[in-house]
């Protein structure tokens, strides 16, 4: 049965009936934020799982307030905002490393539009656990990539000003310019279709950026792309982050991957920012809820 629309007042009644205490700020908050984003997204640590075994409805632990759930919602938003800035820095490093590696070996401005400069289906890089039809995926990925690349240069209605400038002034747009108009996911597919020498060169550059902590293989970098693209999209689309999983990777795995990309000074700032965020919410979020959150993230709580 489809869910019926409920007014703000009805939503307050629904929460109260399920054991959530509301206050005078509940309706003003619901006018700014989605009820379902707050309650459905962040209810889990507040539910009384024992009582719910005998009920078809959500039942909340005694003492649960709307403000507590909203505080967890806001913590996760702050977490997304913190991570997004570091994810965009990671994105820039990955995109630039791959594009530089390609352009170093194919310096002519339009060589990225030539299919002969990409691998065939047999040599397309896929995860080691891949069990799909490689030929079919190759055909789809290559066709999509060529469509996107050519579309950036021909769709005048959506053409970015800097792309139009290069076309008008020079007659072509080098990849190192066009990369600013390509998404993280676009570059991930581009990387997947490169020759091993280009992939190895990109891995070498990333290792140098991160201070040479560990040598990345092409498969390692493909995994990094897959995970970071997914988490970046979660942050950009304001989705729940603290307990998110991207292709089996949790938040703690995201941190490990970023440690292989970002300079160590950036990673130190990131860890300090995360520690300050968790510690700064010890007054807003009950200890047992914060323990649930840090456990889901895979990191240790800083405590009170």
C-alpha atoms as a PDB file:
ATOM      1  CA  UNK A   1       0.000   0.000   0.000  1.00  0.00           C
ATOM      2  CA  UNK A   2       1.330   3.399  -0.987  1.00  0.00           C
ATOM      3  CA  UNK A   3       2.234   5.866   1.755  1.00  0.00           C
ATOM      4  CA  UNK A   4      -0.230   8.703   2.132  1.00  0.00           C
ATOM      5  CA  UNK A   5       0.838  12.334   2.349  1.00  0.00           C
ATOM      6  CA  UNK A   6       0.967  13.661   5.917  1.00  0.00           C
ATOM      7  CA  UNK A   7       0.959  17.235   7.124  1.00  0.00           C
ATOM      8  CA  UNK A   8       3.615  18.449   9.535  1.00  0.00           C
ATOM      9  CA  UNK A   9       1.137  18.115  12.379  1.00  0.00           C
ATOM     10  CA  UNK A  10       0.327  14.532  11.374  1.00  0.00           C
ATOM     11  CA  UNK A  11       4.005  13.686  11.210  1.00  0.00           C
ATOM     12  CA  UNK A  12       4.442  14.973  14.760  1.00  0.00           C
ATOM     13  CA  UNK A  13       1.510  12.799  15.875  1.00  0.00           C
ATOM     14  CA  UNK A  14       3.059   9.801  14.140  1.00  0.00           C
ATOM     15  CA  UNK A  15       6.398  10.308  15.878  1.00  0.00           C
ATOM     16  CA  UNK A  16       4.750  10.763  19.268  1.00  0.00           C
ATOM     17  CA  UNK A  17       2.738   7.563  18.759  1.00  0.00           C
ATOM     18  CA  UNK A  18       5.949   5.646  18.170  1.00  0.00           C
ATOM     19  CA  UNK A  19       7.768   6.966  21.221  1.00  0.00           C
ATOM     20  CA  UNK A  20       9.603  10.015  19.880  1.00  0.00           C
ATOM     21  CA  UNK A  21       9.291  13.142  22.001  1.00  0.00           C
ATOM     22  CA  UNK A  22       8.932  16.302  19.896  1.00  0.00           C
ATOM     23  CA  UNK A  23       9.228  19.973  20.829  1.00  0.00           C
ATOM     24  CA  UNK A  24       8.386  23.432  19.506  1.00  0.00           C
ATOM     25  CA  UNK A  25      11.264  23.290  17.022  1.00  0.00           C
ATOM     26  CA  UNK A  26      10.162  20.018  15.427  1.00  0.00           C
ATOM     27  CA  UNK A  27       7.761  21.497  12.855  1.00  0.00           C
ATOM     28  CA  UNK A  28      10.084  24.380  11.892  1.00  0.00           C
ATOM     29  CA  UNK A  29      12.803  21.769  11.356  1.00  0.00           C
ATOM     30  CA  UNK A  30      10.486  19.616   9.225  1.00  0.00           C
ATOM     31  CA  UNK A  31       9.729  22.666   7.087  1.00  0.00           C
ATOM     32  CA  UNK A  32      13.440  22.907   6.265  1.00  0.00           C
ATOM     33  CA  UNK A  33      14.327  19.235   6.017  1.00  0.00           C
ATOM     34  CA  UNK A  34      12.573  16.108   4.783  1.00  0.00           C
ATOM     35  CA  UNK A  35      10.932  14.001   7.486  1.00  0.00           C
ATOM     36  CA  UNK A  36      11.959  10.848   5.690  1.00  0.00           C
ATOM     37  CA  UNK A  37      15.559  12.002   5.270  1.00  0.00           C
ATOM     38  CA  UNK A  38      15.805  12.575   9.028  1.00  0.00           C
ATOM     39  CA  UNK A  39      13.712   9.779  10.504  1.00  0.00           C
ATOM     40  CA  UNK A  40      14.068   6.978   7.967  1.00  0.00           C
ATOM     41  CA  UNK A  41      17.715   7.808   7.407  1.00  0.00           C
ATOM     42  CA  UNK A  42      18.880   8.005  11.028  1.00  0.00           C
ATOM     43  CA  UNK A  43      16.394   6.057  13.147  1.00  0.00           C
ATOM     44  CA  UNK A  44      18.343   2.808  13.469  1.00  0.00           C
ATOM     45  CA  UNK A  45      20.348   3.435  16.689  1.00  0.00           C
ATOM     46  CA  UNK A  46      17.203   4.777  18.396  1.00  0.00           C
ATOM     47  CA  UNK A  47      14.886   1.836  17.686  1.00  0.00           C
ATOM     48  CA  UNK A  48      13.843  -0.594  20.433  1.00  0.00           C
ATOM     49  CA  UNK A  49      14.621  -3.808  18.551  1.00  0.00           C
ATOM     50  CA  UNK A  50      13.269  -6.061  21.313  1.00  0.00           C
ATOM     51  CA  UNK A  51       9.841  -4.419  21.377  1.00  0.00           C
ATOM     52  CA  UNK A  52       9.738  -4.284  17.582  1.00  0.00           C
ATOM     53  CA  UNK A  53       9.844  -8.083  17.459  1.00  0.00           C
ATOM     54  CA  UNK A  54       6.217  -7.922  18.596  1.00  0.00           C
ATOM     55  CA  UNK A  55       5.208  -4.939  16.454  1.00  0.00           C
ATOM     56  CA  UNK A  56       4.861  -4.236  12.744  1.00  0.00           C
ATOM     57  CA  UNK A  57       5.661  -0.551  13.358  1.00  0.00           C
ATOM     58  CA  UNK A  58       8.847   1.246  14.345  1.00  0.00           C
ATOM     59  CA  UNK A  59       9.053   1.613  18.123  1.00  0.00           C
ATOM     60  CA  UNK A  60      11.700   3.834  19.695  1.00  0.00           C
ATOM     61  CA  UNK A  61      13.676   3.341  22.888  1.00  0.00           C
ATOM     62  CA  UNK A  62      12.367   5.214  25.951  1.00  0.00           C
ATOM     63  CA  UNK A  63      13.636   8.787  26.122  1.00  0.00           C
ATOM     64  CA  UNK A  64      14.187   9.163  22.355  1.00  0.00           C
ATOM     65  CA  UNK A  65      13.606  12.709  21.112  1.00  0.00           C
ATOM     66  CA  UNK A  66      13.300  14.174  17.654  1.00  0.00           C
ATOM     67  CA  UNK A  67      16.172  16.479  18.534  1.00  0.00           C
ATOM     68  CA  UNK A  68      18.486  13.496  19.149  1.00  0.00           C
ATOM     69  CA  UNK A  69      17.708  12.003  15.748  1.00  0.00           C
ATOM     70  CA  UNK A  70      18.095  15.380  14.094  1.00  0.00           C
ATOM     71  CA  UNK A  71      21.478  15.864  15.786  1.00  0.00           C
ATOM     72  CA  UNK A  72      22.664  12.611  14.224  1.00  0.00           C
ATOM     73  CA  UNK A  73      21.304  13.793  10.865  1.00  0.00           C
ATOM     74  CA  UNK A  74      23.289  17.026  11.217  1.00  0.00           C
ATOM     75  CA  UNK A  75      26.430  15.165  12.291  1.00  0.00           C
ATOM     76  CA  UNK A  76      26.279  13.136   9.095  1.00  0.00           C
ATOM     77  CA  UNK A  77      25.788  16.269   7.037  1.00  0.00           C
ATOM     78  CA  UNK A  78      28.870  17.800   8.658  1.00  0.00           C
ATOM     79  CA  UNK A  79      30.722  14.558   7.953  1.00  0.00           C
ATOM     80  CA  UNK A  80      29.751  14.775   4.271  1.00  0.00           C
ATOM     81  CA  UNK A  81      30.857  18.390   4.072  1.00  0.00           C
ATOM     82  CA  UNK A  82      34.198  17.540   5.648  1.00  0.00           C
ATOM     83  CA  UNK A  83      34.815  14.558   3.404  1.00  0.00           C
ATOM     84  CA  UNK A  84      33.639  16.265   0.226  1.00  0.00           C
ATOM     85  CA  UNK A  85      36.459  18.807   0.273  1.00  0.00           C
ATOM     86  CA  UNK A  86      39.053  16.037   0.599  1.00  0.00           C
ATOM     87  CA  UNK A  87      37.300  13.866  -1.973  1.00  0.00           C
ATOM     88  CA  UNK A  88      37.389  16.693  -4.510  1.00  0.00           C
ATOM     89  CA  UNK A  89      41.115  17.067  -3.851  1.00  0.00           C
ATOM     90  CA  UNK A  90      41.515  13.313  -4.394  1.00  0.00           C
ATOM     91  CA  UNK A  91      39.434  13.554  -7.556  1.00  0.00           C
ATOM     92  CA  UNK A  92      41.634  16.332  -8.931  1.00  0.00           C
ATOM     93  CA  UNK A  93      44.812  14.335  -8.248  1.00  0.00           C
ATOM     94  CA  UNK A  94      43.458  11.171  -9.862  1.00  0.00           C
ATOM     95  CA  UNK A  95      42.072  12.952 -12.915  1.00  0.00           C
ATOM     96  CA  UNK A  96      45.261  14.912 -13.479  1.00  0.00           C
ATOM     97  CA  UNK A  97      47.521  11.870 -13.048  1.00  0.00           C
ATOM     98  CA  UNK A  98      45.601   9.854 -15.640  1.00  0.00           C
ATOM     99  CA  UNK A  99      45.285  12.705 -18.140  1.00  0.00           C
ATOM    100  CA  UNK A 100      48.958  13.647 -17.792  1.00  0.00           C
ATOM    101  CA  UNK A 101      50.024  10.032 -18.350  1.00  0.00           C
ATOM    102  CA  UNK A 102      47.927   9.849 -21.518  1.00  0.00           C
ATOM    103  CA  UNK A 103      49.026  13.205 -22.917  1.00  0.00           C
ATOM    104  CA  UNK A 104      52.681  12.482 -22.231  1.00  0.00           C
ATOM    105  CA  UNK A 105      52.434   9.497 -24.587  1.00  0.00           C
ATOM    106  CA  UNK A 106      49.901  11.031 -26.979  1.00  0.00           C
ATOM    107  CA  UNK A 107      50.826  14.747 -27.122  1.00  0.00           C
ATOM    108  CA  UNK A 108      48.780  15.717 -30.175  1.00  0.00           C
ATOM    109  CA  UNK A 109      45.646  17.624 -29.097  1.00  0.00           C
ATOM    110  CA  UNK A 110      43.013  15.276 -30.546  1.00  0.00           C
ATOM    111  CA  UNK A 111      44.609  11.866 -29.982  1.00  0.00           C
ATOM    112  CA  UNK A 112      42.158  11.030 -27.199  1.00  0.00           C
ATOM    113  CA  UNK A 113      39.408  10.903 -29.870  1.00  0.00           C
ATOM    114  CA  UNK A 114      41.146   8.081 -31.762  1.00  0.00           C
ATOM    115  CA  UNK A 115      40.013   4.603 -30.771  1.00  0.00           C
ATOM    116  CA  UNK A 116      43.364   3.177 -31.827  1.00  0.00           C
ATOM    117  CA  UNK A 117      44.904   4.854 -28.761  1.00  0.00           C
ATOM    118  CA  UNK A 118      42.803   2.707 -26.428  1.00  0.00           C
ATOM    119  CA  UNK A 119      43.078  -0.969 -25.574  1.00  0.00           C
ATOM    120  CA  UNK A 120      40.946  -3.710 -27.094  1.00  0.00           C
ATOM    121  CA  UNK A 121      38.352  -5.646 -25.114  1.00  0.00           C
ATOM    122  CA  UNK A 122      40.845  -8.321 -24.107  1.00  0.00           C
ATOM    123  CA  UNK A 123      43.108  -5.779 -22.391  1.00  0.00           C
ATOM    124  CA  UNK A 124      40.465  -3.578 -20.746  1.00  0.00           C
ATOM    125  CA  UNK A 125      41.214  -3.339 -17.031  1.00  0.00           C
ATOM    126  CA  UNK A 126      38.544  -4.924 -14.848  1.00  0.00           C
ATOM    127  CA  UNK A 127      38.476  -5.852 -11.155  1.00  0.00           C
ATOM    128  CA  UNK A 128      40.152  -9.165 -10.356  1.00  0.00           C
ATOM    129  CA  UNK A 129      36.798 -10.487  -9.149  1.00  0.00           C
ATOM    130  CA  UNK A 130      35.022  -9.538 -12.398  1.00  0.00           C
ATOM    131  CA  UNK A 131      32.861 -12.341 -13.800  1.00  0.00           C
ATOM    132  CA  UNK A 132      30.771 -10.524 -16.418  1.00  0.00           C
ATOM    133  CA  UNK A 133      30.924 -10.430 -20.196  1.00  0.00           C
ATOM    134  CA  UNK A 134      34.052  -8.392 -20.827  1.00  0.00           C
ATOM    135  CA  UNK A 135      33.443  -7.928 -24.553  1.00  0.00           C
ATOM    136  CA  UNK A 136      29.959  -6.527 -23.987  1.00  0.00           C
ATOM    137  CA  UNK A 137      31.106  -4.200 -21.228  1.00  0.00           C
ATOM    138  CA  UNK A 138      34.006  -3.015 -23.343  1.00  0.00           C
ATOM    139  CA  UNK A 139      31.691  -2.182 -26.257  1.00  0.00           C
ATOM    140  CA  UNK A 140      29.372  -0.227 -23.950  1.00  0.00           C
ATOM    141  CA  UNK A 141      32.165   1.608 -22.127  1.00  0.00           C
ATOM    142  CA  UNK A 142      34.029   2.542 -25.295  1.00  0.00           C
ATOM    143  CA  UNK A 143      30.878   3.716 -27.064  1.00  0.00           C
ATOM    144  CA  UNK A 144      29.827   5.797 -24.070  1.00  0.00           C
ATOM    145  CA  UNK A 145      33.271   7.329 -23.651  1.00  0.00           C
ATOM    146  CA  UNK A 146      33.529   8.304 -27.313  1.00  0.00           C
ATOM    147  CA  UNK A 147      30.006   9.739 -27.213  1.00  0.00           C
ATOM    148  CA  UNK A 148      30.847  11.832 -24.149  1.00  0.00           C
ATOM    149  CA  UNK A 149      34.188  13.066 -25.467  1.00  0.00           C
ATOM    150  CA  UNK A 150      32.814  13.991 -28.889  1.00  0.00           C
ATOM    151  CA  UNK A 151      29.693  15.489 -27.343  1.00  0.00           C
ATOM    152  CA  UNK A 152      31.774  17.916 -25.296  1.00  0.00           C
ATOM    153  CA  UNK A 153      33.161  19.284 -28.574  1.00  0.00           C
ATOM    154  CA  UNK A 154      29.995  19.335 -30.699  1.00  0.00           C
ATOM    155  CA  UNK A 155      27.046  20.186 -28.451  1.00  0.00           C
ATOM    156  CA  UNK A 156      27.166  23.973 -28.740  1.00  0.00           C
ATOM    157  CA  UNK A 157      24.185  24.481 -26.416  1.00  0.00           C
ATOM    158  CA  UNK A 158      25.965  22.805 -23.508  1.00  0.00           C
ATOM    159  CA  UNK A 159      29.536  23.656 -24.420  1.00  0.00           C
ATOM    160  CA  UNK A 160      31.576  25.178 -21.625  1.00  0.00           C
ATOM    161  CA  UNK A 161      33.075  28.634 -22.352  1.00  0.00           C
ATOM    162  CA  UNK A 162      36.676  27.458 -22.060  1.00  0.00           C
ATOM    163  CA  UNK A 163      35.983  24.593 -24.489  1.00  0.00           C
ATOM    164  CA  UNK A 164      34.429  26.996 -26.994  1.00  0.00           C
ATOM    165  CA  UNK A 165      37.396  29.328 -26.571  1.00  0.00           C
ATOM    166  CA  UNK A 166      39.922  26.614 -27.436  1.00  0.00           C
ATOM    167  CA  UNK A 167      37.858  25.443 -30.400  1.00  0.00           C
ATOM    168  CA  UNK A 168      37.543  28.973 -31.765  1.00  0.00           C
ATOM    169  CA  UNK A 169      41.165  29.943 -31.173  1.00  0.00           C
ATOM    170  CA  UNK A 170      43.021  26.710 -31.858  1.00  0.00           C
ATOM    171  CA  UNK A 171      40.601  24.437 -33.700  1.00  0.00           C
ATOM    172  CA  UNK A 172      40.894  21.658 -31.111  1.00  0.00           C
ATOM    173  CA  UNK A 173      40.678  21.077 -27.376  1.00  0.00           C
ATOM    174  CA  UNK A 174      43.523  19.150 -25.706  1.00  0.00           C
ATOM    175  CA  UNK A 175      42.545  16.525 -23.159  1.00  0.00           C
ATOM    176  CA  UNK A 176      44.388  18.402 -20.418  1.00  0.00           C
ATOM    177  CA  UNK A 177      41.917  21.251 -21.001  1.00  0.00           C
ATOM    178  CA  UNK A 178      38.829  19.090 -21.522  1.00  0.00           C
ATOM    179  CA  UNK A 179      39.450  17.198 -18.264  1.00  0.00           C
ATOM    180  CA  UNK A 180      37.830  20.107 -16.398  1.00  0.00           C
ATOM    181  CA  UNK A 181      34.580  19.270 -18.194  1.00  0.00           C
ATOM    182  CA  UNK A 182      34.765  15.541 -17.474  1.00  0.00           C
ATOM    183  CA  UNK A 183      33.305  13.911 -14.381  1.00  0.00           C
ATOM    184  CA  UNK A 184      35.131  11.696 -11.939  1.00  0.00           C
ATOM    185  CA  UNK A 185      33.237   8.739 -13.400  1.00  0.00           C
ATOM    186  CA  UNK A 186      34.204   9.730 -16.961  1.00  0.00           C
ATOM    187  CA  UNK A 187      37.887   9.659 -16.046  1.00  0.00           C
ATOM    188  CA  UNK A 188      37.456   6.334 -14.227  1.00  0.00           C
ATOM    189  CA  UNK A 189      36.164   4.747 -17.459  1.00  0.00           C
ATOM    190  CA  UNK A 190      38.874   6.522 -19.446  1.00  0.00           C
ATOM    191  CA  UNK A 191      41.521   5.030 -17.142  1.00  0.00           C
ATOM    192  CA  UNK A 192      39.990   1.568 -17.471  1.00  0.00           C
ATOM    193  CA  UNK A 193      40.509   1.702 -21.250  1.00  0.00           C
ATOM    194  CA  UNK A 194      44.152   2.794 -21.198  1.00  0.00           C
ATOM    195  CA  UNK A 195      47.223   0.746 -22.009  1.00  0.00           C
ATOM    196  CA  UNK A 196      49.185  -0.666 -19.072  1.00  0.00           C
ATOM    197  CA  UNK A 197      52.090   1.728 -19.551  1.00  0.00           C
ATOM    198  CA  UNK A 198      49.740   4.702 -19.163  1.00  0.00           C
ATOM    199  CA  UNK A 199      48.054   3.120 -16.137  1.00  0.00           C
ATOM    200  CA  UNK A 200      51.433   2.400 -14.556  1.00  0.00           C
ATOM    201  CA  UNK A 201      52.542   5.977 -15.159  1.00  0.00           C
ATOM    202  CA  UNK A 202      49.380   7.284 -13.469  1.00  0.00           C
ATOM    203  CA  UNK A 203      49.988   4.951 -10.514  1.00  0.00           C
ATOM    204  CA  UNK A 204      53.557   6.218 -10.222  1.00  0.00           C
ATOM    205  CA  UNK A 205      52.402   9.858 -10.160  1.00  0.00           C
ATOM    206  CA  UNK A 206      49.783   9.146  -7.493  1.00  0.00           C
ATOM    207  CA  UNK A 207      52.378   7.349  -5.388  1.00  0.00           C
ATOM    208  CA  UNK A 208      54.657  10.361  -5.607  1.00  0.00           C
ATOM    209  CA  UNK A 209      51.820  12.701  -4.568  1.00  0.00           C
ATOM    210  CA  UNK A 210      51.082  10.556  -1.520  1.00  0.00           C
ATOM    211  CA  UNK A 211      54.724  10.514  -0.491  1.00  0.00           C
ATOM    212  CA  UNK A 212      55.554   7.053  -1.787  1.00  0.00           C
ATOM    213  CA  UNK A 213      53.885   5.212   1.120  1.00  0.00           C
ATOM    214  CA  UNK A 214      52.972   2.221  -1.012  1.00  0.00           C
ATOM    215  CA  UNK A 215      53.249   1.239  -4.648  1.00  0.00           C
ATOM    216  CA  UNK A 216      49.915   1.237  -6.466  1.00  0.00           C
ATOM    217  CA  UNK A 217      49.198  -1.295  -9.187  1.00  0.00           C
ATOM    218  CA  UNK A 218      46.734  -0.572 -12.021  1.00  0.00           C
ATOM    219  CA  UNK A 219      44.196  -2.844 -10.305  1.00  0.00           C
ATOM    220  CA  UNK A 220      44.717  -0.971  -7.032  1.00  0.00           C
ATOM    221  CA  UNK A 221      44.013   2.341  -8.729  1.00  0.00           C
ATOM    222  CA  UNK A 222      40.915   0.975 -10.451  1.00  0.00           C
ATOM    223  CA  UNK A 223      39.586  -0.037  -7.037  1.00  0.00           C
ATOM    224  CA  UNK A 224      40.398   3.435  -5.693  1.00  0.00           C
ATOM    225  CA  UNK A 225      38.467   4.999  -8.561  1.00  0.00           C
ATOM    226  CA  UNK A 226      35.433   2.761  -7.990  1.00  0.00           C
ATOM    227  CA  UNK A 227      35.258   3.480  -4.257  1.00  0.00           C
ATOM    228  CA  UNK A 228      36.022   7.204  -4.354  1.00  0.00           C
ATOM    229  CA  UNK A 229      33.578   7.890  -7.192  1.00  0.00           C
ATOM    230  CA  UNK A 230      30.816   6.209  -5.177  1.00  0.00           C
ATOM    231  CA  UNK A 231      31.571   8.049  -1.933  1.00  0.00           C
ATOM    232  CA  UNK A 232      31.982  11.344  -3.756  1.00  0.00           C
ATOM    233  CA  UNK A 233      28.494  10.939  -5.228  1.00  0.00           C
ATOM    234  CA  UNK A 234      27.058  10.128  -1.788  1.00  0.00           C
ATOM    235  CA  UNK A 235      28.487  13.384  -0.434  1.00  0.00           C
ATOM    236  CA  UNK A 236      27.410  15.427  -3.446  1.00  0.00           C
ATOM    237  CA  UNK A 237      23.833  14.134  -3.309  1.00  0.00           C
ATOM    238  CA  UNK A 238      23.413  14.573   0.465  1.00  0.00           C
ATOM    239  CA  UNK A 239      22.933  10.866   1.133  1.00  0.00           C
ATOM    240  CA  UNK A 240      23.696   9.058   4.379  1.00  0.00           C
ATOM    241  CA  UNK A 241      27.450   8.616   4.716  1.00  0.00           C
ATOM    242  CA  UNK A 242      28.515   7.315   8.116  1.00  0.00           C
ATOM    243  CA  UNK A 243      27.275   3.753   7.492  1.00  0.00           C
ATOM    244  CA  UNK A 244      27.455   3.770   3.691  1.00  0.00           C
ATOM    245  CA  UNK A 245      29.078   0.981   1.708  1.00  0.00           C
ATOM    246  CA  UNK A 246      30.428   1.339  -1.824  1.00  0.00           C
ATOM    247  CA  UNK A 247      31.219  -1.950  -3.539  1.00  0.00           C
ATOM    248  CA  UNK A 248      31.952  -3.520  -0.172  1.00  0.00           C
ATOM    249  CA  UNK A 249      34.061  -0.604   1.095  1.00  0.00           C
ATOM    250  CA  UNK A 250      33.079   1.173   4.304  1.00  0.00           C
ATOM    251  CA  UNK A 251      34.020   4.625   5.536  1.00  0.00           C
ATOM    252  CA  UNK A 252      37.231   3.336   7.135  1.00  0.00           C
ATOM    253  CA  UNK A 253      38.226   1.809   3.783  1.00  0.00           C
ATOM    254  CA  UNK A 254      37.625   5.165   2.117  1.00  0.00           C
ATOM    255  CA  UNK A 255      40.118   6.721   4.527  1.00  0.00           C
ATOM    256  CA  UNK A 256      42.669   4.023   3.726  1.00  0.00           C
ATOM    257  CA  UNK A 257      42.302   4.607   0.003  1.00  0.00           C
ATOM    258  CA  UNK A 258      42.593   8.358   0.367  1.00  0.00           C
ATOM    259  CA  UNK A 259      45.783   7.813   2.353  1.00  0.00           C
ATOM    260  CA  UNK A 260      47.255   6.329  -0.824  1.00  0.00           C
ATOM    261  CA  UNK A 261      46.354   9.399  -2.883  1.00  0.00           C
ATOM    262  CA  UNK A 262      46.619  12.568  -0.835  1.00  0.00           C
ATOM    263  CA  UNK A 263      49.778  14.204   0.509  1.00  0.00           C
ATOM    264  CA  UNK A 264      50.434  13.258   4.113  1.00  0.00           C
ATOM    265  CA  UNK A 265      49.892  16.836   5.273  1.00  0.00           C
ATOM    266  CA  UNK A 266      46.367  16.685   3.844  1.00  0.00           C
ATOM    267  CA  UNK A 267      45.723  13.330   5.497  1.00  0.00           C
ATOM    268  CA  UNK A 268      46.856  14.697   8.844  1.00  0.00           C
ATOM    269  CA  UNK A 269      44.416  17.594   8.483  1.00  0.00           C
ATOM    270  CA  UNK A 270      41.660  15.193   7.477  1.00  0.00           C
ATOM    271  CA  UNK A 271      42.180  13.005  10.535  1.00  0.00           C
ATOM    272  CA  UNK A 272      42.280  16.051  12.794  1.00  0.00           C
ATOM    273  CA  UNK A 273      39.057  17.334  11.221  1.00  0.00           C
ATOM    274  CA  UNK A 274      37.336  13.977  11.750  1.00  0.00           C
ATOM    275  CA  UNK A 275      38.521  13.783  15.350  1.00  0.00           C
ATOM    276  CA  UNK A 276      37.268  17.302  16.041  1.00  0.00           C
ATOM    277  CA  UNK A 277      33.926  16.501  14.419  1.00  0.00           C
ATOM    278  CA  UNK A 278      33.351  13.402  16.537  1.00  0.00           C
ATOM    279  CA  UNK A 279      34.593  15.036  19.730  1.00  0.00           C
ATOM    280  CA  UNK A 280      32.548  18.169  19.080  1.00  0.00           C
ATOM    281  CA  UNK A 281      29.353  16.125  18.935  1.00  0.00           C
ATOM    282  CA  UNK A 282      29.772  14.262  22.217  1.00  0.00           C
ATOM    283  CA  UNK A 283      27.382  16.725  23.859  1.00  0.00           C
ATOM    284  CA  UNK A 284      24.798  16.537  21.071  1.00  0.00           C
ATOM    285  CA  UNK A 285      24.799  12.779  20.555  1.00  0.00           C
ATOM    286  CA  UNK A 286      24.372  10.221  23.347  1.00  0.00           C
ATOM    287  CA  UNK A 287      27.362   7.988  24.014  1.00  0.00           C
ATOM    288  CA  UNK A 288      25.659   4.773  22.875  1.00  0.00           C
ATOM    289  CA  UNK A 289      24.559   6.424  19.618  1.00  0.00           C
ATOM    290  CA  UNK A 290      28.031   7.824  19.002  1.00  0.00           C
ATOM    291  CA  UNK A 291      29.445   4.354  19.614  1.00  0.00           C
ATOM    292  CA  UNK A 292      27.010   2.965  17.020  1.00  0.00           C
ATOM    293  CA  UNK A 293      28.102   5.656  14.558  1.00  0.00           C
ATOM    294  CA  UNK A 294      31.859   5.209  14.987  1.00  0.00           C
ATOM    295  CA  UNK A 295      31.440   1.440  14.849  1.00  0.00           C
ATOM    296  CA  UNK A 296      29.538   1.739  11.561  1.00  0.00           C
ATOM    297  CA  UNK A 297      32.272   4.025  10.251  1.00  0.00           C
ATOM    298  CA  UNK A 298      34.904   1.514  11.346  1.00  0.00           C
ATOM    299  CA  UNK A 299      36.801   4.054  13.430  1.00  0.00           C
ATOM    300  CA  UNK A 300      37.370   4.427  17.161  1.00  0.00           C
ATOM    301  CA  UNK A 301      35.395   7.010  19.104  1.00  0.00           C
ATOM    302  CA  UNK A 302      37.402   9.729  20.779  1.00  0.00           C
ATOM    303  CA  UNK A 303      35.235   9.353  23.855  1.00  0.00           C
ATOM    304  CA  UNK A 304      33.978  12.130  26.134  1.00  0.00           C
END
